Amino acid sequence: ALYDSLSKAGIISFKQTPIPKSDIDLFAIYDNTIFIFECKHSLQPVSSFDLRTTYDYIRKAEKQLDYVYEEYQNGTLIPLLEKKYSINLNSIKNIQICIVLSNRLFNGNVFKYPVRNFNEIDNILNRGTMRTNEGEFWLWQKNQLSLSDLLEYFSLNGKLVDLTFNSLSKKTLTYVLANPKVEFDTYYMDTNVAMTKLNAFTAKLRKVEDEK
């Protein structure tokens, strides 16, 4: 699905590439950047066990991607890919790594590499908009996808991901079951708080209807 989404966006990508100690599920070439994607989970409905399973998958993906990044830093990854696919990658100056999931359970920037949901990636690649109660807004800087859009979205400081986390409210739960009592923090989406954050975010974006 990710390969098809990249192809639809006009981005060249390659699937299932073995490298020393690991493999690359999918890599894509866009301008002077190579994007490395490690895909976990099939596109199926989630179950009650997916939280811990997905966490384990992410930790495994981190180890696999460490090997890929090590090959890139050592200067062996690009020649390997050039030889295998008979392509010229002399223009590659940067690498961007991402873990791709079918669910949104850990969508964010709290792991070693950015974790993104496939459907959200597809939207960034091929539509570049977000719809809110105030209308539809461009996530792309211009009316078509650019490298800067992708680097922003896949970075560990991505503004769209930060919006979700900044919109959460904290509540402390207390259980007087023993001495000492048990307390822990949980997070939830308060509509009023979230909408205020969302409207502040979209105020900086271009409205789709204004561009027509």
N, C-alpha and C. Protein backbone atom coordinates (compact mmCIF):
# COMPACT_ATOMS: atom_id res chain seq x y z
N ALA A 1 0.83 -1.21 0.00
CA ALA A 1 0.00 0.00 0.00
C ALA A 1 0.86 1.26 0.00
N LEU A 2 1.93 1.25 0.78
CA LEU A 2 2.82 2.41 0.81
C LEU A 2 3.54 2.59 -0.52
N TYR A 3 3.95 1.50 -1.11
CA TYR A 3 4.59 1.56 -2.44
C TYR A 3 3.64 2.18 -3.45
N ASP A 4 2.38 1.76 -3.44
CA ASP A 4 1.39 2.30 -4.37
C ASP A 4 1.13 3.78 -4.11
N SER A 5 1.11 4.14 -2.84
CA SER A 5 0.88 5.54 -2.48
C SER A 5 2.02 6.43 -2.96
N LEU A 6 3.25 5.96 -2.79
CA LEU A 6 4.41 6.70 -3.27
C LEU A 6 4.40 6.81 -4.80
N SER A 7 4.05 5.71 -5.46
CA SER A 7 3.98 5.71 -6.93
C SER A 7 2.95 6.71 -7.42
N LYS A 8 1.81 6.76 -6.75
CA LYS A 8 0.75 7.70 -7.13
C LYS A 8 1.23 9.14 -7.00
N ALA A 9 2.11 9.38 -6.02
CA ALA A 9 2.67 10.72 -5.81
C ALA A 9 3.83 11.02 -6.75
N GLY A 10 4.18 10.03 -7.59
CA GLY A 10 5.27 10.22 -8.55
C GLY A 10 6.65 10.06 -7.93
N ILE A 11 6.73 9.33 -6.82
CA ILE A 11 8.01 9.13 -6.13
C ILE A 11 8.50 7.71 -6.38
N ILE A 12 9.73 7.59 -6.84
CA ILE A 12 10.31 6.28 -7.13
C ILE A 12 10.65 5.57 -5.82
N SER A 13 10.24 4.31 -5.70
CA SER A 13 10.54 3.54 -4.50
C SER A 13 10.84 2.09 -4.85
N PHE A 14 11.47 1.40 -3.92
CA PHE A 14 11.89 0.02 -4.13
C PHE A 14 11.56 -0.79 -2.88
N LYS A 15 11.07 -2.02 -3.08
CA LYS A 15 10.63 -2.86 -1.98
C LYS A 15 11.62 -3.98 -1.68
N GLN A 16 11.61 -4.40 -0.40
CA GLN A 16 12.30 -5.61 0.06
C GLN A 16 13.75 -5.71 -0.42
N THR A 17 14.60 -4.91 0.20
CA THR A 17 16.01 -4.89 -0.18
C THR A 17 16.87 -5.44 0.96
N PRO A 18 17.52 -6.57 0.76
CA PRO A 18 18.39 -7.12 1.82
C PRO A 18 19.67 -6.31 1.94
N ILE A 19 20.12 -6.10 3.18
CA ILE A 19 21.40 -5.48 3.45
C ILE A 19 22.06 -6.30 4.54
N PRO A 20 23.36 -6.10 4.79
CA PRO A 20 24.02 -6.86 5.86
C PRO A 20 23.31 -6.67 7.21
N LYS A 21 23.00 -7.76 7.89
CA LYS A 21 22.39 -7.80 9.22
C LYS A 21 20.90 -7.45 9.24
N SER A 22 20.35 -7.00 8.12
CA SER A 22 18.95 -6.58 8.14
C SER A 22 18.40 -6.53 6.72
N ASP A 23 17.30 -5.80 6.55
CA ASP A 23 16.73 -5.57 5.23
C ASP A 23 15.96 -4.25 5.28
N ILE A 24 15.65 -3.72 4.11
CA ILE A 24 14.88 -2.49 4.01
C ILE A 24 13.52 -2.85 3.41
N ASP A 25 12.46 -2.61 4.17
CA ASP A 25 11.12 -2.91 3.65
C ASP A 25 10.84 -2.11 2.39
N LEU A 26 11.15 -0.81 2.46
CA LEU A 26 10.90 0.06 1.32
C LEU A 26 11.76 1.31 1.45
N PHE A 27 12.36 1.73 0.35
CA PHE A 27 13.05 3.01 0.36
C PHE A 27 12.61 3.81 -0.86
N ALA A 28 12.62 5.13 -0.71
CA ALA A 28 12.17 6.02 -1.78
C ALA A 28 13.20 7.12 -2.00
N ILE A 29 13.28 7.58 -3.21
CA ILE A 29 14.20 8.65 -3.59
C ILE A 29 13.39 9.89 -3.96
N TYR A 30 13.66 10.98 -3.26
CA TYR A 30 12.97 12.22 -3.59
C TYR A 30 13.97 13.36 -3.49
N ASP A 31 14.28 13.95 -4.64
CA ASP A 31 15.27 15.03 -4.71
C ASP A 31 16.61 14.51 -4.18
N ASN A 32 17.17 15.16 -3.15
CA ASN A 32 18.49 14.75 -2.65
C ASN A 32 18.40 13.92 -1.37
N THR A 33 17.23 13.32 -1.12
CA THR A 33 17.00 12.61 0.14
C THR A 33 16.53 11.18 -0.13
N ILE A 34 17.09 10.24 0.62
CA ILE A 34 16.60 8.86 0.58
C ILE A 34 15.75 8.63 1.82
N PHE A 35 14.54 8.16 1.60
CA PHE A 35 13.60 7.87 2.69
C PHE A 35 13.59 6.36 2.93
N ILE A 36 13.81 5.97 4.18
CA ILE A 36 13.82 4.57 4.55
C ILE A 36 12.58 4.28 5.40
N PHE A 37 11.78 3.31 4.98
CA PHE A 37 10.55 2.97 5.69
C PHE A 37 10.60 1.54 6.21
N GLU A 38 10.36 1.38 7.49
CA GLU A 38 10.21 0.05 8.08
C GLU A 38 8.74 -0.12 8.43
N CYS A 39 8.09 -1.05 7.76
CA CYS A 39 6.63 -1.21 7.90
C CYS A 39 6.31 -2.35 8.86
N LYS A 40 5.42 -2.07 9.82
CA LYS A 40 5.00 -3.07 10.79
C LYS A 40 3.48 -3.15 10.84
N HIS A 41 2.97 -4.37 10.93
CA HIS A 41 1.54 -4.63 11.04
C HIS A 41 0.88 -4.66 9.66
N SER A 42 -0.04 -5.57 9.49
CA SER A 42 -0.82 -5.62 8.26
C SER A 42 -1.99 -4.64 8.39
N LEU A 43 -2.58 -4.31 7.26
CA LEU A 43 -3.69 -3.35 7.28
C LEU A 43 -4.99 -4.06 7.65
N GLN A 44 -5.07 -4.48 8.91
CA GLN A 44 -6.24 -5.19 9.41
C GLN A 44 -6.79 -4.46 10.64
N PRO A 45 -8.03 -4.74 11.03
CA PRO A 45 -8.58 -4.12 12.24
C PRO A 45 -7.73 -4.46 13.47
N VAL A 46 -7.66 -3.53 14.42
CA VAL A 46 -6.86 -3.75 15.61
C VAL A 46 -7.61 -4.63 16.60
N SER A 47 -6.86 -5.23 17.54
CA SER A 47 -7.45 -6.06 18.58
C SER A 47 -7.03 -5.53 19.94
N SER A 48 -7.52 -6.15 21.01
CA SER A 48 -7.21 -5.70 22.36
C SER A 48 -5.74 -5.93 22.72
N PHE A 49 -5.04 -6.74 21.93
CA PHE A 49 -3.64 -7.03 22.21
C PHE A 49 -2.69 -6.15 21.40
N ASP A 50 -3.22 -5.25 20.58
CA ASP A 50 -2.38 -4.51 19.65
C ASP A 50 -1.46 -3.50 20.33
N LEU A 51 -1.82 -3.01 21.51
CA LEU A 51 -0.99 -2.02 22.17
C LEU A 51 0.39 -2.59 22.47
N ARG A 52 0.44 -3.72 23.15
CA ARG A 52 1.75 -4.29 23.50
C ARG A 52 2.43 -4.91 22.28
N THR A 53 1.64 -5.48 21.36
CA THR A 53 2.23 -6.05 20.15
C THR A 53 2.88 -4.98 19.30
N THR A 54 2.18 -3.87 19.13
CA THR A 54 2.71 -2.77 18.34
C THR A 54 3.97 -2.19 18.98
N TYR A 55 3.97 -2.08 20.30
CA TYR A 55 5.15 -1.58 21.01
C TYR A 55 6.36 -2.47 20.72
N ASP A 56 6.15 -3.79 20.80
CA ASP A 56 7.24 -4.72 20.51
C ASP A 56 7.72 -4.59 19.08
N TYR A 57 6.80 -4.39 18.15
CA TYR A 57 7.15 -4.23 16.74
C TYR A 57 8.01 -2.98 16.53
N ILE A 58 7.66 -1.91 17.23
CA ILE A 58 8.42 -0.66 17.09
C ILE A 58 9.84 -0.84 17.61
N ARG A 59 9.98 -1.50 18.75
CA ARG A 59 11.31 -1.74 19.30
C ARG A 59 12.15 -2.60 18.34
N LYS A 60 11.53 -3.58 17.73
CA LYS A 60 12.22 -4.41 16.75
C LYS A 60 12.61 -3.57 15.53
N ALA A 61 11.70 -2.71 15.09
CA ALA A 61 11.97 -1.85 13.94
C ALA A 61 13.15 -0.92 14.22
N GLU A 62 13.25 -0.41 15.44
CA GLU A 62 14.37 0.47 15.79
C GLU A 62 15.71 -0.23 15.59
N LYS A 63 15.79 -1.48 16.03
CA LYS A 63 17.03 -2.24 15.87
C LYS A 63 17.37 -2.46 14.40
N GLN A 64 16.34 -2.77 13.60
CA GLN A 64 16.56 -2.98 12.17
C GLN A 64 17.04 -1.69 11.50
N LEU A 65 16.43 -0.59 11.88
CA LEU A 65 16.78 0.69 11.28
C LEU A 65 18.15 1.19 11.74
N ASP A 66 18.55 0.79 12.93
CA ASP A 66 19.90 1.12 13.40
C ASP A 66 20.95 0.55 12.45
N TYR A 67 20.71 -0.68 11.99
CA TYR A 67 21.64 -1.31 11.04
C TYR A 67 21.67 -0.54 9.72
N VAL A 68 20.48 -0.12 9.26
CA VAL A 68 20.39 0.63 8.00
C VAL A 68 21.14 1.96 8.13
N TYR A 69 20.91 2.65 9.23
CA TYR A 69 21.56 3.95 9.42
C TYR A 69 23.07 3.78 9.56
N GLU A 70 23.48 2.71 10.20
CA GLU A 70 24.92 2.44 10.33
C GLU A 70 25.56 2.23 8.96
N GLU A 71 24.87 1.51 8.07
CA GLU A 71 25.37 1.30 6.72
C GLU A 71 25.48 2.62 5.97
N TYR A 72 24.49 3.50 6.18
CA TYR A 72 24.51 4.81 5.51
C TYR A 72 25.68 5.64 6.03
N GLN A 73 25.86 5.67 7.35
CA GLN A 73 26.95 6.45 7.95
C GLN A 73 28.31 5.92 7.53
N ASN A 74 28.41 4.62 7.33
CA ASN A 74 29.69 4.02 6.91
C ASN A 74 29.97 4.22 5.42
N GLY A 75 28.97 4.73 4.70
CA GLY A 75 29.16 4.97 3.28
C GLY A 75 28.97 3.74 2.40
N THR A 76 28.38 2.68 2.97
CA THR A 76 28.20 1.44 2.21
C THR A 76 26.79 1.26 1.68
N LEU A 77 25.80 1.97 2.24
CA LEU A 77 24.41 1.76 1.85
C LEU A 77 24.15 2.23 0.42
N ILE A 78 24.55 3.45 0.09
CA ILE A 78 24.25 4.01 -1.23
C ILE A 78 24.89 3.18 -2.35
N PRO A 79 26.18 2.83 -2.27
CA PRO A 79 26.77 1.98 -3.31
C PRO A 79 26.06 0.64 -3.44
N LEU A 80 25.63 0.08 -2.31
CA LEU A 80 24.91 -1.20 -2.34
C LEU A 80 23.61 -1.08 -3.14
N LEU A 81 22.86 -0.01 -2.87
CA LEU A 81 21.58 0.20 -3.56
C LEU A 81 21.80 0.51 -5.05
N GLU A 82 22.83 1.28 -5.34
CA GLU A 82 23.15 1.60 -6.74
C GLU A 82 23.45 0.33 -7.53
N LYS A 83 24.23 -0.54 -6.93
CA LYS A 83 24.62 -1.77 -7.61
C LYS A 83 23.43 -2.70 -7.81
N LYS A 84 22.60 -2.83 -6.78
CA LYS A 84 21.48 -3.77 -6.85
C LYS A 84 20.44 -3.35 -7.87
N TYR A 85 20.15 -2.03 -7.94
CA TYR A 85 19.07 -1.55 -8.80
C TYR A 85 19.57 -0.82 -10.05
N SER A 86 20.87 -0.76 -10.24
CA SER A 86 21.45 -0.07 -11.40
C SER A 86 20.94 1.36 -11.51
N ILE A 87 21.01 2.08 -10.40
CA ILE A 87 20.57 3.46 -10.36
C ILE A 87 21.71 4.35 -9.90
N ASN A 88 21.62 5.63 -10.22
CA ASN A 88 22.63 6.61 -9.83
C ASN A 88 22.09 7.43 -8.66
N LEU A 89 22.77 7.33 -7.52
CA LEU A 89 22.34 8.05 -6.33
C LEU A 89 23.37 9.08 -5.88
N ASN A 90 24.11 9.62 -6.83
CA ASN A 90 25.13 10.62 -6.51
C ASN A 90 24.55 11.88 -5.87
N SER A 91 23.27 12.14 -6.15
CA SER A 91 22.66 13.38 -5.64
C SER A 91 22.20 13.26 -4.19
N ILE A 92 22.21 12.05 -3.63
CA ILE A 92 21.71 11.85 -2.28
C ILE A 92 22.63 12.50 -1.25
N LYS A 93 22.05 13.42 -0.46
CA LYS A 93 22.81 14.12 0.57
C LYS A 93 22.25 13.87 1.97
N ASN A 94 21.00 13.41 2.04
CA ASN A 94 20.33 13.25 3.33
C ASN A 94 19.61 11.91 3.41
N ILE A 95 19.36 11.47 4.63
CA ILE A 95 18.57 10.27 4.86
C ILE A 95 17.46 10.61 5.87
N GLN A 96 16.27 10.11 5.60
CA GLN A 96 15.15 10.30 6.52
C GLN A 96 14.53 8.93 6.79
N ILE A 97 14.43 8.57 8.05
CA ILE A 97 13.97 7.23 8.44
C ILE A 97 12.61 7.32 9.12
N CYS A 98 11.76 6.33 8.88
CA CYS A 98 10.42 6.34 9.47
C CYS A 98 9.92 4.92 9.70
N ILE A 99 9.23 4.72 10.82
CA ILE A 99 8.52 3.47 11.10
C ILE A 99 7.06 3.68 10.73
N VAL A 100 6.53 2.81 9.88
CA VAL A 100 5.17 2.96 9.38
C VAL A 100 4.26 1.89 9.99
N LEU A 101 3.16 2.33 10.57
CA LEU A 101 2.20 1.41 11.19
C LEU A 101 0.85 1.49 10.50
N SER A 102 0.06 0.43 10.68
CA SER A 102 -1.29 0.43 10.14
C SER A 102 -2.28 1.06 11.13
N ASN A 103 -1.87 1.20 12.40
CA ASN A 103 -2.75 1.82 13.39
C ASN A 103 -2.11 3.10 13.91
N ARG A 104 -2.85 3.81 14.78
CA ARG A 104 -2.37 5.10 15.30
C ARG A 104 -1.99 5.02 16.78
N LEU A 105 -1.80 3.81 17.30
CA LEU A 105 -1.60 3.64 18.74
C LEU A 105 -0.37 4.39 19.25
N PHE A 106 0.70 4.40 18.46
CA PHE A 106 1.94 5.06 18.89
C PHE A 106 2.38 6.12 17.88
N ASN A 107 1.45 6.65 17.14
CA ASN A 107 1.78 7.68 16.15
C ASN A 107 2.41 8.87 16.87
N GLY A 108 3.67 9.17 16.56
CA GLY A 108 4.30 10.29 17.24
C GLY A 108 5.81 10.27 17.17
N ASN A 109 6.43 10.99 18.12
CA ASN A 109 7.87 11.21 18.09
C ASN A 109 8.56 10.79 19.39
N VAL A 110 8.00 9.83 20.11
CA VAL A 110 8.57 9.48 21.41
C VAL A 110 9.58 8.34 21.31
N PHE A 111 9.70 7.73 20.14
CA PHE A 111 10.67 6.67 19.96
C PHE A 111 11.93 7.22 19.27
N LYS A 112 12.87 6.34 19.00
CA LYS A 112 14.14 6.76 18.41
C LYS A 112 13.94 7.32 17.01
N TYR A 113 12.98 6.76 16.27
CA TYR A 113 12.66 7.22 14.92
C TYR A 113 11.19 7.62 14.89
N PRO A 114 10.81 8.53 13.99
CA PRO A 114 9.40 8.92 13.90
C PRO A 114 8.52 7.74 13.55
N VAL A 115 7.36 7.67 14.18
CA VAL A 115 6.37 6.63 13.93
C VAL A 115 5.15 7.29 13.29
N ARG A 116 4.77 6.80 12.12
CA ARG A 116 3.65 7.41 11.42
C ARG A 116 2.65 6.35 10.96
N ASN A 117 1.40 6.77 10.87
CA ASN A 117 0.31 5.91 10.42
C ASN A 117 0.20 5.95 8.90
N PHE A 118 -0.04 4.81 8.28
CA PHE A 118 -0.04 4.74 6.82
C PHE A 118 -1.06 5.69 6.19
N ASN A 119 -2.27 5.72 6.70
CA ASN A 119 -3.31 6.55 6.08
C ASN A 119 -2.95 8.03 6.13
N GLU A 120 -2.29 8.43 7.21
CA GLU A 120 -1.85 9.82 7.32
C GLU A 120 -0.75 10.11 6.31
N ILE A 121 0.17 9.14 6.13
CA ILE A 121 1.24 9.30 5.13
C ILE A 121 0.64 9.44 3.74
N ASP A 122 -0.34 8.61 3.43
CA ASP A 122 -0.98 8.66 2.12
C ASP A 122 -1.60 10.04 1.88
N ASN A 123 -2.19 10.61 2.92
CA ASN A 123 -2.78 11.94 2.79
C ASN A 123 -1.71 12.99 2.51
N ILE A 124 -0.60 12.92 3.23
CA ILE A 124 0.49 13.89 3.02
C ILE A 124 1.04 13.77 1.61
N LEU A 125 1.17 12.54 1.12
CA LEU A 125 1.76 12.32 -0.20
C LEU A 125 0.83 12.77 -1.33
N ASN A 126 -0.46 12.49 -1.21
CA ASN A 126 -1.35 12.63 -2.37
C ASN A 126 -2.47 13.66 -2.25
N ARG A 127 -2.70 14.17 -1.05
CA ARG A 127 -3.74 15.20 -0.91
C ARG A 127 -3.20 16.46 -0.25
N GLY A 128 -2.50 16.30 0.84
CA GLY A 128 -1.85 17.44 1.48
C GLY A 128 -2.79 18.41 2.15
N THR A 129 -3.94 17.92 2.60
CA THR A 129 -4.91 18.81 3.25
C THR A 129 -5.39 18.21 4.56
N MET A 130 -6.01 19.03 5.39
CA MET A 130 -6.72 18.55 6.58
C MET A 130 -8.05 19.28 6.67
N ARG A 131 -9.08 18.54 7.08
CA ARG A 131 -10.43 19.10 7.15
C ARG A 131 -10.81 19.30 8.61
N THR A 132 -11.30 20.48 8.95
CA THR A 132 -11.73 20.79 10.31
C THR A 132 -13.12 21.42 10.28
N ASN A 133 -13.62 21.79 11.45
CA ASN A 133 -14.94 22.45 11.51
C ASN A 133 -14.90 23.83 10.86
N GLU A 134 -13.70 24.36 10.65
CA GLU A 134 -13.56 25.68 10.03
C GLU A 134 -13.29 25.60 8.54
N GLY A 135 -13.25 24.38 8.00
CA GLY A 135 -13.01 24.21 6.57
C GLY A 135 -11.80 23.32 6.30
N GLU A 136 -11.33 23.33 5.06
CA GLU A 136 -10.21 22.49 4.63
C GLU A 136 -8.97 23.36 4.43
N PHE A 137 -7.84 22.87 4.93
CA PHE A 137 -6.61 23.64 4.91
C PHE A 137 -5.47 22.84 4.27
N TRP A 138 -4.54 23.57 3.64
CA TRP A 138 -3.37 22.94 3.04
C TRP A 138 -2.33 22.62 4.10
N LEU A 139 -1.82 21.40 4.09
CA LEU A 139 -0.66 21.03 4.90
C LEU A 139 0.62 21.24 4.10
N TRP A 140 0.51 21.21 2.77
CA TRP A 140 1.65 21.50 1.90
C TRP A 140 1.92 23.00 1.93
N GLN A 141 3.19 23.37 1.78
CA GLN A 141 3.54 24.78 1.73
C GLN A 141 3.01 25.45 0.48
N LYS A 142 2.99 24.68 -0.62
CA LYS A 142 2.42 25.18 -1.87
C LYS A 142 1.31 24.22 -2.28
N ASN A 143 0.80 24.35 -3.49
CA ASN A 143 -0.31 23.50 -3.89
C ASN A 143 0.12 22.15 -4.45
N GLN A 144 1.36 21.82 -4.29
CA GLN A 144 1.85 20.50 -4.66
C GLN A 144 2.93 20.06 -3.68
N LEU A 145 3.13 18.76 -3.60
CA LEU A 145 4.07 18.20 -2.63
C LEU A 145 5.49 18.67 -2.91
N SER A 146 6.24 18.97 -1.85
CA SER A 146 7.64 19.36 -1.97
C SER A 146 8.48 18.57 -0.96
N LEU A 147 9.78 18.58 -1.16
CA LEU A 147 10.68 17.88 -0.24
C LEU A 147 10.55 18.46 1.16
N SER A 148 10.44 19.75 1.27
CA SER A 148 10.33 20.38 2.60
C SER A 148 9.08 19.90 3.34
N ASP A 149 8.00 19.62 2.61
CA ASP A 149 6.78 19.08 3.24
C ASP A 149 7.06 17.72 3.86
N LEU A 150 7.77 16.88 3.13
CA LEU A 150 8.06 15.53 3.61
C LEU A 150 9.04 15.57 4.78
N LEU A 151 10.07 16.40 4.69
CA LEU A 151 11.04 16.48 5.76
C LEU A 151 10.40 17.01 7.04
N GLU A 152 9.50 17.94 6.90
CA GLU A 152 8.77 18.47 8.06
C GLU A 152 7.89 17.38 8.68
N TYR A 153 7.15 16.68 7.85
CA TYR A 153 6.22 15.68 8.36
C TYR A 153 6.93 14.50 9.02
N PHE A 154 8.04 14.05 8.42
CA PHE A 154 8.74 12.88 8.94
C PHE A 154 9.81 13.22 9.99
N SER A 155 9.93 14.46 10.36
CA SER A 155 10.94 14.83 11.35
C SER A 155 10.44 14.51 12.76
N LEU A 156 11.37 14.46 13.71
CA LEU A 156 11.01 14.23 15.11
C LEU A 156 10.46 15.49 15.76
N ASN A 157 10.34 16.55 14.98
CA ASN A 157 9.74 17.80 15.47
C ASN A 157 8.54 18.19 14.61
N GLY A 158 7.91 17.19 13.97
CA GLY A 158 6.80 17.47 13.07
C GLY A 158 5.66 18.21 13.75
N LYS A 159 5.23 19.31 13.17
CA LYS A 159 4.20 20.15 13.79
C LYS A 159 2.84 19.47 13.84
N LEU A 160 2.52 18.66 12.84
CA LEU A 160 1.22 17.99 12.82
C LEU A 160 1.11 16.99 13.95
N VAL A 161 2.19 16.25 14.20
CA VAL A 161 2.19 15.29 15.31
C VAL A 161 2.16 16.02 16.64
N ASP A 162 2.93 17.09 16.75
CA ASP A 162 2.95 17.87 17.99
C ASP A 162 1.56 18.42 18.31
N LEU A 163 0.80 18.75 17.29
CA LEU A 163 -0.55 19.27 17.51
C LEU A 163 -1.39 18.29 18.30
N THR A 164 -1.31 17.01 17.94
CA THR A 164 -2.09 15.99 18.64
C THR A 164 -1.70 15.90 20.10
N PHE A 165 -0.40 15.84 20.37
CA PHE A 165 0.06 15.71 21.75
C PHE A 165 -0.23 16.96 22.57
N ASN A 166 -0.08 18.12 21.96
CA ASN A 166 -0.33 19.37 22.68
C ASN A 166 -1.81 19.59 22.96
N SER A 167 -2.66 18.85 22.26
CA SER A 167 -4.11 18.99 22.45
C SER A 167 -4.64 18.11 23.58
N LEU A 168 -3.79 17.28 24.15
CA LEU A 168 -4.22 16.38 25.21
C LEU A 168 -4.27 17.10 26.56
N SER A 169 -5.20 16.67 27.40
CA SER A 169 -5.29 17.18 28.76
C SER A 169 -4.95 16.05 29.74
N LYS A 170 -4.36 16.42 30.87
CA LYS A 170 -3.91 15.42 31.85
C LYS A 170 -4.88 15.33 33.02
N LYS A 171 -5.10 14.11 33.47
CA LYS A 171 -5.92 13.88 34.66
C LYS A 171 -5.20 12.87 35.55
N THR A 172 -5.12 13.16 36.84
CA THR A 172 -4.47 12.26 37.79
C THR A 172 -5.52 11.38 38.47
N LEU A 173 -5.36 10.09 38.35
CA LEU A 173 -6.26 9.13 38.97
C LEU A 173 -5.66 8.63 40.28
N THR A 174 -6.47 8.55 41.31
CA THR A 174 -6.01 8.12 42.62
C THR A 174 -6.81 6.91 43.08
N TYR A 175 -6.10 5.87 43.53
CA TYR A 175 -6.74 4.65 44.03
C TYR A 175 -6.24 4.40 45.46
N VAL A 176 -7.16 4.55 46.43
CA VAL A 176 -6.81 4.32 47.82
C VAL A 176 -7.05 2.85 48.13
N LEU A 177 -6.18 2.01 47.64
CA LEU A 177 -6.31 0.57 47.83
C LEU A 177 -5.38 0.06 48.92
N ALA A 178 -4.35 0.84 49.22
CA ALA A 178 -3.37 0.44 50.21
C ALA A 178 -2.65 1.68 50.69
N ASN A 179 -1.73 1.51 51.56
CA ASN A 179 -0.91 2.62 52.04
C ASN A 179 0.54 2.34 51.65
N PRO A 180 1.18 3.10 50.77
CA PRO A 180 0.66 4.37 50.22
C PRO A 180 -0.37 4.17 49.12
N LYS A 181 -1.14 5.21 48.84
CA LYS A 181 -2.14 5.16 47.79
C LYS A 181 -1.47 5.13 46.41
N VAL A 182 -2.21 4.68 45.43
CA VAL A 182 -1.69 4.56 44.06
C VAL A 182 -2.21 5.73 43.23
N GLU A 183 -1.31 6.44 42.59
CA GLU A 183 -1.67 7.55 41.71
C GLU A 183 -0.95 7.42 40.38
N PHE A 184 -1.64 7.73 39.30
CA PHE A 184 -0.97 7.81 38.00
C PHE A 184 -1.71 8.78 37.11
N ASP A 185 -0.99 9.31 36.14
CA ASP A 185 -1.56 10.29 35.21
C ASP A 185 -2.08 9.60 33.97
N THR A 186 -3.20 10.05 33.49
CA THR A 186 -3.74 9.59 32.22
C THR A 186 -4.08 10.81 31.38
N TYR A 187 -4.18 10.62 30.08
CA TYR A 187 -4.40 11.74 29.17
C TYR A 187 -5.65 11.51 28.34
N TYR A 188 -6.35 12.58 28.05
CA TYR A 188 -7.59 12.48 27.30
C TYR A 188 -7.74 13.72 26.43
N MET A 189 -8.67 13.65 25.49
CA MET A 189 -8.89 14.76 24.57
C MET A 189 -10.10 15.57 25.03
N ASP A 190 -9.84 16.72 25.62
CA ASP A 190 -10.90 17.64 26.00
C ASP A 190 -11.27 18.45 24.76
N THR A 191 -12.51 18.39 24.36
CA THR A 191 -12.94 19.02 23.11
C THR A 191 -12.62 20.51 23.07
N ASN A 192 -12.91 21.22 24.14
CA ASN A 192 -12.69 22.67 24.16
C ASN A 192 -11.20 23.01 24.02
N VAL A 193 -10.37 22.30 24.76
CA VAL A 193 -8.93 22.54 24.70
C VAL A 193 -8.39 22.18 23.31
N ALA A 194 -8.82 21.01 22.82
CA ALA A 194 -8.32 20.53 21.53
C ALA A 194 -8.73 21.46 20.39
N MET A 195 -9.96 21.94 20.41
CA MET A 195 -10.42 22.82 19.34
C MET A 195 -9.68 24.15 19.35
N THR A 196 -9.36 24.65 20.54
CA THR A 196 -8.59 25.89 20.63
C THR A 196 -7.21 25.71 20.01
N LYS A 197 -6.56 24.58 20.32
CA LYS A 197 -5.25 24.28 19.75
C LYS A 197 -5.33 24.10 18.24
N LEU A 198 -6.37 23.39 17.79
CA LEU A 198 -6.54 23.13 16.36
C LEU A 198 -6.76 24.43 15.59
N ASN A 199 -7.60 25.30 16.09
CA ASN A 199 -7.89 26.55 15.40
C ASN A 199 -6.65 27.45 15.35
N ALA A 200 -5.84 27.41 16.40
CA ALA A 200 -4.59 28.19 16.39
C ALA A 200 -3.62 27.62 15.36
N PHE A 201 -3.63 26.30 15.20
CA PHE A 201 -2.75 25.65 14.23
C PHE A 201 -3.18 25.99 12.80
N THR A 202 -4.46 25.85 12.51
CA THR A 202 -4.95 26.09 11.15
C THR A 202 -4.93 27.57 10.77
N ALA A 203 -4.90 28.45 11.76
CA ALA A 203 -4.85 29.90 11.47
C ALA A 203 -3.57 30.26 10.72
N LYS A 204 -2.55 29.39 10.82
CA LYS A 204 -1.28 29.64 10.15
C LYS A 204 -1.22 28.94 8.78
N LEU A 205 -2.28 28.22 8.42
CA LEU A 205 -2.30 27.49 7.16
C LEU A 205 -3.13 28.21 6.11
N ARG A 206 -2.94 27.84 4.85
CA ARG A 206 -3.74 28.39 3.76
C ARG A 206 -5.03 27.59 3.63
N LYS A 207 -6.14 28.28 3.46
CA LYS A 207 -7.41 27.60 3.29
C LYS A 207 -7.57 27.16 1.85
N VAL A 208 -8.04 25.94 1.65
CA VAL A 208 -8.13 25.38 0.30
C VAL A 208 -9.05 26.20 -0.59
N GLU A 209 -10.18 26.59 -0.06
CA GLU A 209 -11.15 27.32 -0.89
C GLU A 209 -10.63 28.69 -1.31
N ASP A 210 -9.70 29.25 -0.55
CA ASP A 210 -9.13 30.56 -0.91
C ASP A 210 -8.18 30.46 -2.09
N GLU A 211 -7.70 29.21 -2.36
CA GLU A 211 -6.75 29.00 -3.45
C GLU A 211 -7.44 28.65 -4.77
N LYS A 212 -8.76 28.42 -4.71
CA LYS A 212 -9.49 28.03 -5.92
C LYS A 212 -9.91 29.24 -6.73
